[in-house]
Amino acid sequence: MATKSSKASPTKGVDSRIADNKKAFFNYAIEERFEAGMVLEGWEVKALREGKVQLTDGYVVIRTGELYLIGCQINALHTASTHISPDAVRTKKLLLHRDEIRRLIGKVEQKGYTLVPLNLHWKNGKVKCDLALAKGKAEHDKRDTIKDREGKREVDRAMKSRNR
């Protein structure tokens, strides 16, 4: 009898992460989250399945009432077809409802707000991008974040050594 693979296929309706933007949580204070679809080419989807993506330098802009993801790098597989010319940093269109885009335009025009991609994930066989309406952190806020993280690590270490 054949055994089932423990790794689920990303296209079979299983929600799974492709890439995370960990820098976004450090550099920005997240206020609201949105989930947007992405317009991708075939070679990009294949590369995403292989995990050939970098999201850390990505950001979202609004042009003519539409959202675009800029700076997200999807590297083509070496097996890409010869009749296409893959562009790793191509601008990708994001899909949201018109009402959500209008609301985001109003928020982004306020001082200090920006749209940042948080992660890429599979949802029902489609690639989705989690966006965040965020406000940039000041330098002292970043230092506080580092101090809290290090304090938590020390407490965890102390608890671990105490439990031994």
N, C-alpha and C. Protein backbone atom coordinates (compact mmCIF):
# COMPACT_ATOMS: atom_id res chain seq x y z
N MET A 1 0.84 -1.16 0.00
CA MET A 1 0.00 0.00 0.00
C MET A 1 0.89 1.23 0.00
N ALA A 2 0.59 2.19 -0.85
CA ALA A 2 1.39 3.40 -0.96
C ALA A 2 1.07 4.34 0.21
N THR A 3 2.10 5.01 0.67
CA THR A 3 1.89 5.95 1.78
C THR A 3 1.74 7.36 1.22
N LYS A 4 0.98 8.17 1.93
CA LYS A 4 0.79 9.55 1.50
C LYS A 4 2.00 10.38 1.89
N SER A 5 2.32 11.32 1.07
CA SER A 5 3.42 12.23 1.38
C SER A 5 3.01 13.17 2.51
N SER A 6 3.93 13.44 3.41
CA SER A 6 3.63 14.32 4.53
C SER A 6 3.59 15.78 4.10
N LYS A 7 4.18 16.09 2.96
CA LYS A 7 4.20 17.46 2.47
C LYS A 7 2.98 17.67 1.56
N ALA A 8 2.12 18.58 1.96
CA ALA A 8 0.92 18.84 1.17
C ALA A 8 1.27 19.76 0.00
N SER A 9 0.61 19.55 -1.11
CA SER A 9 0.82 20.37 -2.28
C SER A 9 0.22 21.76 -2.05
N PRO A 10 0.93 22.84 -2.41
CA PRO A 10 0.42 24.17 -2.17
C PRO A 10 -0.79 24.52 -3.01
N THR A 11 -1.07 23.76 -4.06
CA THR A 11 -2.18 24.10 -4.92
C THR A 11 -3.44 23.32 -4.61
N LYS A 12 -3.46 22.52 -3.59
CA LYS A 12 -4.62 21.69 -3.29
C LYS A 12 -5.52 22.30 -2.21
N GLY A 13 -5.57 23.63 -2.12
CA GLY A 13 -6.45 24.27 -1.16
C GLY A 13 -5.86 24.44 0.22
N VAL A 14 -4.61 24.08 0.39
CA VAL A 14 -3.95 24.21 1.68
C VAL A 14 -3.32 25.59 1.76
N ASP A 15 -3.57 26.31 2.86
CA ASP A 15 -2.95 27.61 3.04
C ASP A 15 -1.53 27.41 3.53
N SER A 16 -0.56 27.94 2.81
CA SER A 16 0.83 27.82 3.24
C SER A 16 1.60 29.07 2.82
N ARG A 17 2.59 29.40 3.61
CA ARG A 17 3.38 30.60 3.36
C ARG A 17 4.44 30.34 2.30
N ILE A 18 4.66 31.35 1.48
CA ILE A 18 5.71 31.30 0.48
C ILE A 18 6.90 32.11 0.96
N ALA A 19 6.63 33.35 1.39
CA ALA A 19 7.70 34.24 1.85
C ALA A 19 7.15 35.21 2.87
N ASP A 20 7.99 35.61 3.83
CA ASP A 20 7.62 36.58 4.85
C ASP A 20 8.53 37.79 4.76
N ASN A 21 8.00 38.94 5.13
CA ASN A 21 8.78 40.17 5.21
C ASN A 21 8.96 40.50 6.68
N LYS A 22 9.97 39.91 7.31
CA LYS A 22 10.19 40.09 8.74
C LYS A 22 10.63 41.51 9.08
N LYS A 23 11.28 42.18 8.14
CA LYS A 23 11.72 43.55 8.37
C LYS A 23 10.54 44.51 8.54
N ALA A 24 9.41 44.18 7.95
CA ALA A 24 8.25 45.07 8.02
C ALA A 24 7.78 45.26 9.45
N PHE A 25 7.80 44.21 10.25
CA PHE A 25 7.34 44.31 11.63
C PHE A 25 8.33 45.08 12.49
N PHE A 26 9.60 45.10 12.08
CA PHE A 26 10.61 45.84 12.82
C PHE A 26 10.60 47.33 12.45
N ASN A 27 10.44 47.62 11.15
CA ASN A 27 10.53 48.99 10.67
C ASN A 27 9.21 49.77 10.74
N TYR A 28 8.09 49.08 10.84
CA TYR A 28 6.79 49.75 10.78
C TYR A 28 5.88 49.30 11.91
N ALA A 29 4.99 50.20 12.31
CA ALA A 29 3.91 49.86 13.23
C ALA A 29 2.70 49.51 12.37
N ILE A 30 2.27 48.26 12.43
CA ILE A 30 1.18 47.77 11.57
C ILE A 30 -0.16 48.21 12.15
N GLU A 31 -1.00 48.83 11.31
CA GLU A 31 -2.30 49.30 11.77
C GLU A 31 -3.44 48.46 11.23
N GLU A 32 -3.45 48.20 9.92
CA GLU A 32 -4.51 47.39 9.30
C GLU A 32 -3.88 46.41 8.33
N ARG A 33 -4.55 45.27 8.14
CA ARG A 33 -4.07 44.25 7.20
C ARG A 33 -5.11 44.02 6.12
N PHE A 34 -4.62 43.73 4.91
CA PHE A 34 -5.48 43.43 3.78
C PHE A 34 -4.89 42.24 3.03
N GLU A 35 -5.76 41.48 2.38
CA GLU A 35 -5.30 40.37 1.56
C GLU A 35 -5.65 40.68 0.11
N ALA A 36 -4.63 40.67 -0.75
CA ALA A 36 -4.81 41.00 -2.16
C ALA A 36 -4.34 39.86 -3.03
N GLY A 37 -5.01 39.69 -4.16
CA GLY A 37 -4.56 38.75 -5.16
C GLY A 37 -3.43 39.36 -5.97
N MET A 38 -2.73 38.54 -6.73
CA MET A 38 -1.60 39.02 -7.53
C MET A 38 -1.76 38.58 -8.97
N VAL A 39 -1.38 39.46 -9.90
CA VAL A 39 -1.34 39.12 -11.31
C VAL A 39 0.08 38.67 -11.61
N LEU A 40 0.24 37.38 -11.93
CA LEU A 40 1.57 36.80 -12.16
C LEU A 40 1.63 36.11 -13.51
N GLU A 41 2.84 35.94 -13.99
CA GLU A 41 3.07 35.16 -15.21
C GLU A 41 3.35 33.71 -14.80
N GLY A 42 3.28 32.80 -15.75
CA GLY A 42 3.45 31.38 -15.46
C GLY A 42 4.78 31.04 -14.84
N TRP A 43 5.86 31.62 -15.35
CA TRP A 43 7.20 31.31 -14.82
C TRP A 43 7.33 31.80 -13.38
N GLU A 44 6.60 32.87 -13.04
CA GLU A 44 6.66 33.39 -11.67
C GLU A 44 5.98 32.44 -10.69
N VAL A 45 4.88 31.85 -11.10
CA VAL A 45 4.18 30.90 -10.23
C VAL A 45 5.05 29.68 -9.99
N LYS A 46 5.72 29.20 -11.03
CA LYS A 46 6.61 28.05 -10.87
C LYS A 46 7.76 28.38 -9.93
N ALA A 47 8.31 29.58 -10.05
CA ALA A 47 9.41 30.00 -9.18
C ALA A 47 8.92 30.15 -7.74
N LEU A 48 7.69 30.61 -7.54
CA LEU A 48 7.13 30.74 -6.19
C LEU A 48 6.97 29.37 -5.54
N ARG A 49 6.58 28.38 -6.32
CA ARG A 49 6.46 27.02 -5.78
C ARG A 49 7.79 26.51 -5.27
N GLU A 50 8.88 26.95 -5.90
CA GLU A 50 10.22 26.55 -5.49
C GLU A 50 10.80 27.47 -4.42
N GLY A 51 10.07 28.52 -4.06
CA GLY A 51 10.52 29.43 -3.01
C GLY A 51 11.58 30.43 -3.45
N LYS A 52 11.62 30.75 -4.72
CA LYS A 52 12.64 31.67 -5.26
C LYS A 52 12.14 33.12 -5.23
N VAL A 53 11.82 33.61 -4.03
CA VAL A 53 11.27 34.96 -3.91
C VAL A 53 11.91 35.68 -2.73
N GLN A 54 12.06 37.01 -2.88
CA GLN A 54 12.56 37.86 -1.81
C GLN A 54 11.62 39.05 -1.69
N LEU A 55 11.07 39.24 -0.50
CA LEU A 55 10.03 40.24 -0.28
C LEU A 55 10.50 41.41 0.56
N THR A 56 11.70 41.35 1.11
CA THR A 56 12.13 42.34 2.11
C THR A 56 12.22 43.76 1.56
N ASP A 57 12.56 43.96 0.31
CA ASP A 57 12.70 45.30 -0.25
C ASP A 57 11.43 45.76 -0.96
N GLY A 58 10.37 45.00 -0.86
CA GLY A 58 9.15 45.32 -1.58
C GLY A 58 8.33 46.41 -0.91
N TYR A 59 7.60 47.16 -1.72
CA TYR A 59 6.65 48.14 -1.22
C TYR A 59 5.51 48.26 -2.22
N VAL A 60 4.42 48.90 -1.79
CA VAL A 60 3.22 48.99 -2.62
C VAL A 60 2.96 50.46 -2.93
N VAL A 61 2.66 50.74 -4.19
CA VAL A 61 2.30 52.08 -4.62
C VAL A 61 0.91 52.05 -5.24
N ILE A 62 0.27 53.22 -5.24
CA ILE A 62 -1.04 53.37 -5.86
C ILE A 62 -0.87 54.28 -7.07
N ARG A 63 -1.19 53.75 -8.25
CA ARG A 63 -1.12 54.50 -9.50
C ARG A 63 -2.46 54.38 -10.22
N THR A 64 -3.01 55.46 -10.59
CA THR A 64 -4.28 55.52 -11.33
C THR A 64 -5.35 54.61 -10.72
N GLY A 65 -5.44 54.64 -9.40
CA GLY A 65 -6.47 53.87 -8.72
C GLY A 65 -6.23 52.38 -8.65
N GLU A 66 -5.00 51.93 -8.91
CA GLU A 66 -4.65 50.51 -8.84
C GLU A 66 -3.42 50.33 -7.98
N LEU A 67 -3.30 49.16 -7.35
CA LEU A 67 -2.16 48.86 -6.48
C LEU A 67 -1.11 48.06 -7.25
N TYR A 68 0.15 48.41 -7.01
CA TYR A 68 1.26 47.70 -7.65
C TYR A 68 2.31 47.36 -6.61
N LEU A 69 2.84 46.16 -6.68
CA LEU A 69 3.92 45.71 -5.81
C LEU A 69 5.24 45.92 -6.54
N ILE A 70 6.11 46.71 -5.93
CA ILE A 70 7.40 47.04 -6.54
C ILE A 70 8.51 46.54 -5.62
N GLY A 71 9.57 46.02 -6.22
CA GLY A 71 10.73 45.62 -5.45
C GLY A 71 10.69 44.18 -4.96
N CYS A 72 9.62 43.47 -5.20
CA CYS A 72 9.54 42.05 -4.85
C CYS A 72 10.30 41.28 -5.93
N GLN A 73 11.30 40.54 -5.53
CA GLN A 73 12.16 39.86 -6.49
C GLN A 73 11.79 38.39 -6.58
N ILE A 74 11.35 37.96 -7.76
CA ILE A 74 11.07 36.55 -8.03
C ILE A 74 12.08 36.10 -9.06
N ASN A 75 12.99 35.24 -8.65
CA ASN A 75 14.06 34.76 -9.54
C ASN A 75 13.55 33.59 -10.37
N ALA A 76 13.83 33.65 -11.65
CA ALA A 76 13.39 32.59 -12.56
C ALA A 76 14.17 31.31 -12.30
N LEU A 77 13.52 30.19 -12.55
CA LEU A 77 14.19 28.90 -12.45
C LEU A 77 15.15 28.75 -13.63
N HIS A 78 16.18 27.97 -13.44
CA HIS A 78 17.13 27.75 -14.54
C HIS A 78 16.50 26.96 -15.68
N THR A 79 15.36 26.34 -15.42
CA THR A 79 14.67 25.57 -16.45
C THR A 79 13.63 26.41 -17.18
N ALA A 80 13.66 27.73 -17.01
CA ALA A 80 12.69 28.60 -17.68
C ALA A 80 12.85 28.49 -19.18
N SER A 81 11.77 28.66 -19.87
CA SER A 81 11.77 28.52 -21.32
C SER A 81 12.65 29.58 -21.98
N THR A 82 13.14 29.27 -23.14
CA THR A 82 14.04 30.19 -23.84
C THR A 82 13.29 31.27 -24.61
N HIS A 83 12.00 31.09 -24.85
CA HIS A 83 11.27 32.09 -25.63
C HIS A 83 10.68 33.22 -24.78
N ILE A 84 10.91 33.18 -23.48
CA ILE A 84 10.50 34.29 -22.61
C ILE A 84 11.74 34.92 -21.99
N SER A 85 11.62 36.18 -21.64
CA SER A 85 12.76 36.83 -20.96
C SER A 85 12.27 37.27 -19.59
N PRO A 86 12.52 36.45 -18.57
CA PRO A 86 12.04 36.76 -17.23
C PRO A 86 12.71 37.99 -16.63
N ASP A 87 11.91 38.85 -16.04
CA ASP A 87 12.40 40.03 -15.33
C ASP A 87 12.14 39.82 -13.85
N ALA A 88 13.18 39.66 -13.05
CA ALA A 88 13.04 39.28 -11.64
C ALA A 88 12.34 40.36 -10.81
N VAL A 89 12.50 41.62 -11.16
CA VAL A 89 11.92 42.70 -10.35
C VAL A 89 10.76 43.40 -11.08
N ARG A 90 10.05 42.66 -11.88
CA ARG A 90 8.91 43.20 -12.61
C ARG A 90 7.86 43.73 -11.64
N THR A 91 7.22 44.83 -11.99
CA THR A 91 6.14 45.39 -11.18
C THR A 91 4.92 44.49 -11.31
N LYS A 92 4.37 44.09 -10.15
CA LYS A 92 3.22 43.17 -10.16
C LYS A 92 1.98 43.89 -9.70
N LYS A 93 0.89 43.67 -10.41
CA LYS A 93 -0.38 44.31 -10.06
C LYS A 93 -1.05 43.51 -8.94
N LEU A 94 -1.62 44.23 -7.97
CA LEU A 94 -2.34 43.62 -6.87
C LEU A 94 -3.83 43.85 -7.06
N LEU A 95 -4.62 42.87 -6.67
CA LEU A 95 -6.06 42.91 -6.90
C LEU A 95 -6.81 43.07 -5.58
N LEU A 96 -7.53 44.17 -5.45
CA LEU A 96 -8.39 44.44 -4.30
C LEU A 96 -9.70 45.00 -4.81
N HIS A 97 -10.72 44.99 -3.96
CA HIS A 97 -12.00 45.60 -4.32
C HIS A 97 -11.82 47.11 -4.42
N ARG A 98 -12.58 47.72 -5.31
CA ARG A 98 -12.48 49.15 -5.56
C ARG A 98 -12.70 49.97 -4.28
N ASP A 99 -13.66 49.56 -3.46
CA ASP A 99 -13.93 50.30 -2.22
C ASP A 99 -12.74 50.26 -1.27
N GLU A 100 -12.08 49.10 -1.19
CA GLU A 100 -10.89 48.99 -0.34
C GLU A 100 -9.76 49.88 -0.86
N ILE A 101 -9.60 49.93 -2.17
CA ILE A 101 -8.55 50.76 -2.76
C ILE A 101 -8.83 52.24 -2.47
N ARG A 102 -10.08 52.66 -2.62
CA ARG A 102 -10.43 54.06 -2.32
C ARG A 102 -10.12 54.40 -0.87
N ARG A 103 -10.45 53.50 0.03
CA ARG A 103 -10.19 53.74 1.44
C ARG A 103 -8.68 53.82 1.71
N LEU A 104 -7.92 52.94 1.05
CA LEU A 104 -6.47 52.96 1.21
C LEU A 104 -5.85 54.24 0.66
N ILE A 105 -6.38 54.74 -0.45
CA ILE A 105 -5.85 55.98 -1.02
C ILE A 105 -5.99 57.11 0.00
N GLY A 106 -7.14 57.19 0.65
CA GLY A 106 -7.34 58.22 1.66
C GLY A 106 -6.39 58.08 2.83
N LYS A 107 -6.14 56.85 3.26
CA LYS A 107 -5.24 56.61 4.41
C LYS A 107 -3.78 56.89 4.05
N VAL A 108 -3.36 56.46 2.86
CA VAL A 108 -1.96 56.61 2.46
C VAL A 108 -1.60 58.09 2.25
N GLU A 109 -2.58 58.89 1.85
CA GLU A 109 -2.31 60.31 1.66
C GLU A 109 -2.06 61.03 2.98
N GLN A 110 -2.48 60.41 4.11
CA GLN A 110 -2.18 61.01 5.41
C GLN A 110 -0.68 60.89 5.66
N LYS A 111 -0.15 61.81 6.46
CA LYS A 111 1.28 61.85 6.69
C LYS A 111 1.77 60.62 7.46
N GLY A 112 2.81 59.99 6.92
CA GLY A 112 3.47 58.90 7.63
C GLY A 112 2.96 57.51 7.31
N TYR A 113 1.85 57.37 6.60
CA TYR A 113 1.31 56.05 6.30
C TYR A 113 1.84 55.53 4.98
N THR A 114 2.04 54.22 4.92
CA THR A 114 2.50 53.57 3.71
C THR A 114 1.90 52.17 3.64
N LEU A 115 1.99 51.57 2.47
CA LEU A 115 1.53 50.19 2.29
C LEU A 115 2.75 49.29 2.15
N VAL A 116 2.79 48.23 2.95
CA VAL A 116 3.93 47.34 3.00
C VAL A 116 3.46 45.90 2.81
N PRO A 117 4.12 45.11 1.95
CA PRO A 117 3.77 43.70 1.85
C PRO A 117 4.31 42.93 3.05
N LEU A 118 3.47 42.11 3.67
CA LEU A 118 3.89 41.33 4.83
C LEU A 118 4.31 39.92 4.46
N ASN A 119 3.52 39.27 3.61
CA ASN A 119 3.90 37.92 3.20
C ASN A 119 3.18 37.54 1.92
N LEU A 120 3.67 36.48 1.30
CA LEU A 120 3.01 35.84 0.16
C LEU A 120 2.61 34.46 0.61
N HIS A 121 1.40 34.04 0.25
CA HIS A 121 0.94 32.71 0.64
C HIS A 121 -0.03 32.16 -0.40
N TRP A 122 -0.21 30.86 -0.34
CA TRP A 122 -1.17 30.17 -1.20
C TRP A 122 -2.53 30.17 -0.51
N LYS A 123 -3.58 30.40 -1.27
CA LYS A 123 -4.94 30.28 -0.74
C LYS A 123 -5.80 29.73 -1.86
N ASN A 124 -6.27 28.51 -1.67
CA ASN A 124 -7.09 27.82 -2.66
C ASN A 124 -6.44 27.79 -4.04
N GLY A 125 -5.14 27.53 -4.05
CA GLY A 125 -4.42 27.38 -5.31
C GLY A 125 -4.02 28.69 -5.95
N LYS A 126 -4.26 29.81 -5.29
CA LYS A 126 -3.89 31.11 -5.84
C LYS A 126 -2.91 31.80 -4.90
N VAL A 127 -2.05 32.64 -5.48
CA VAL A 127 -1.07 33.37 -4.68
C VAL A 127 -1.72 34.64 -4.15
N LYS A 128 -1.63 34.85 -2.87
CA LYS A 128 -2.17 36.04 -2.22
C LYS A 128 -1.04 36.79 -1.54
N CYS A 129 -1.22 38.10 -1.41
CA CYS A 129 -0.23 38.95 -0.74
C CYS A 129 -0.93 39.65 0.42
N ASP A 130 -0.40 39.49 1.63
CA ASP A 130 -0.91 40.23 2.78
C ASP A 130 -0.25 41.60 2.79
N LEU A 131 -1.07 42.65 2.77
CA LEU A 131 -0.59 44.02 2.82
C LEU A 131 -0.90 44.60 4.18
N ALA A 132 -0.12 45.60 4.55
CA ALA A 132 -0.39 46.28 5.82
C ALA A 132 -0.35 47.78 5.59
N LEU A 133 -1.32 48.45 6.17
CA LEU A 133 -1.28 49.89 6.26
C LEU A 133 -0.43 50.18 7.49
N ALA A 134 0.72 50.80 7.28
CA ALA A 134 1.70 50.92 8.36
C ALA A 134 2.23 52.33 8.48
N LYS A 135 2.74 52.61 9.65
CA LYS A 135 3.37 53.89 9.93
C LYS A 135 4.80 53.61 10.34
N GLY A 136 5.75 54.34 9.79
CA GLY A 136 7.16 54.11 10.08
C GLY A 136 7.49 54.34 11.54
N LYS A 137 8.31 53.45 12.10
CA LYS A 137 8.74 53.59 13.49
C LYS A 137 9.91 54.56 13.58
N ALA A 138 9.98 55.27 14.69
CA ALA A 138 11.13 56.13 14.95
C ALA A 138 12.28 55.26 15.47
N GLU A 139 13.48 55.82 15.47
CA GLU A 139 14.67 55.06 15.87
C GLU A 139 14.56 54.56 17.32
N HIS A 140 14.01 55.39 18.20
CA HIS A 140 13.90 54.96 19.60
C HIS A 140 12.88 53.83 19.77
N ASP A 141 11.86 53.80 18.91
CA ASP A 141 10.90 52.69 18.96
C ASP A 141 11.57 51.38 18.55
N LYS A 142 12.46 51.45 17.57
CA LYS A 142 13.18 50.26 17.13
C LYS A 142 14.09 49.75 18.25
N ARG A 143 14.74 50.70 18.96
CA ARG A 143 15.60 50.31 20.08
C ARG A 143 14.79 49.65 21.19
N ASP A 144 13.59 50.17 21.43
CA ASP A 144 12.72 49.55 22.43
C ASP A 144 12.33 48.13 22.03
N THR A 145 12.08 47.93 20.75
CA THR A 145 11.74 46.59 20.25
C THR A 145 12.90 45.63 20.48
N ILE A 146 14.12 46.07 20.18
CA ILE A 146 15.30 45.23 20.39
C ILE A 146 15.47 44.91 21.87
N LYS A 147 15.30 45.91 22.73
CA LYS A 147 15.46 45.71 24.17
C LYS A 147 14.43 44.71 24.70
N ASP A 148 13.17 44.83 24.25
CA ASP A 148 12.13 43.90 24.69
C ASP A 148 12.44 42.48 24.23
N ARG A 149 12.92 42.34 22.99
CA ARG A 149 13.24 41.02 22.44
C ARG A 149 14.37 40.37 23.24
N GLU A 150 15.41 41.14 23.54
CA GLU A 150 16.54 40.59 24.30
C GLU A 150 16.14 40.24 25.72
N GLY A 151 15.29 41.06 26.34
CA GLY A 151 14.80 40.76 27.69
C GLY A 151 14.00 39.48 27.71
N LYS A 152 13.17 39.28 26.70
CA LYS A 152 12.36 38.05 26.62
C LYS A 152 13.27 36.83 26.44
N ARG A 153 14.32 36.97 25.63
CA ARG A 153 15.27 35.87 25.44
C ARG A 153 15.94 35.48 26.76
N GLU A 154 16.36 36.48 27.53
CA GLU A 154 17.02 36.19 28.80
C GLU A 154 16.08 35.51 29.78
N VAL A 155 14.83 35.93 29.82
CA VAL A 155 13.85 35.29 30.69
C VAL A 155 13.64 33.84 30.26
N ASP A 156 13.53 33.62 28.95
CA ASP A 156 13.35 32.26 28.44
C ASP A 156 14.55 31.37 28.78
N ARG A 157 15.76 31.92 28.65
CA ARG A 157 16.97 31.16 28.99
C ARG A 157 16.97 30.80 30.47
N ALA A 158 16.63 31.76 31.31
CA ALA A 158 16.62 31.52 32.75
C ALA A 158 15.58 30.45 33.12
N MET A 159 14.41 30.52 32.48
CA MET A 159 13.37 29.52 32.76
C MET A 159 13.80 28.15 32.26
N LYS A 160 14.48 28.11 31.12
CA LYS A 160 14.93 26.84 30.58
C LYS A 160 15.98 26.19 31.49
N SER A 161 16.94 27.00 31.94
CA SER A 161 17.98 26.44 32.81
C SER A 161 17.42 26.07 34.18
N ARG A 162 16.40 26.75 34.63
CA ARG A 162 15.78 26.44 35.91
C ARG A 162 14.99 25.13 35.85
N ASN A 163 14.42 24.85 34.71
CA ASN A 163 13.61 23.63 34.54
C ASN A 163 14.45 22.38 34.35
N ARG A 164 15.73 22.52 34.16
CA ARG A 164 16.57 21.34 33.93
C ARG A 164 16.80 20.60 35.15
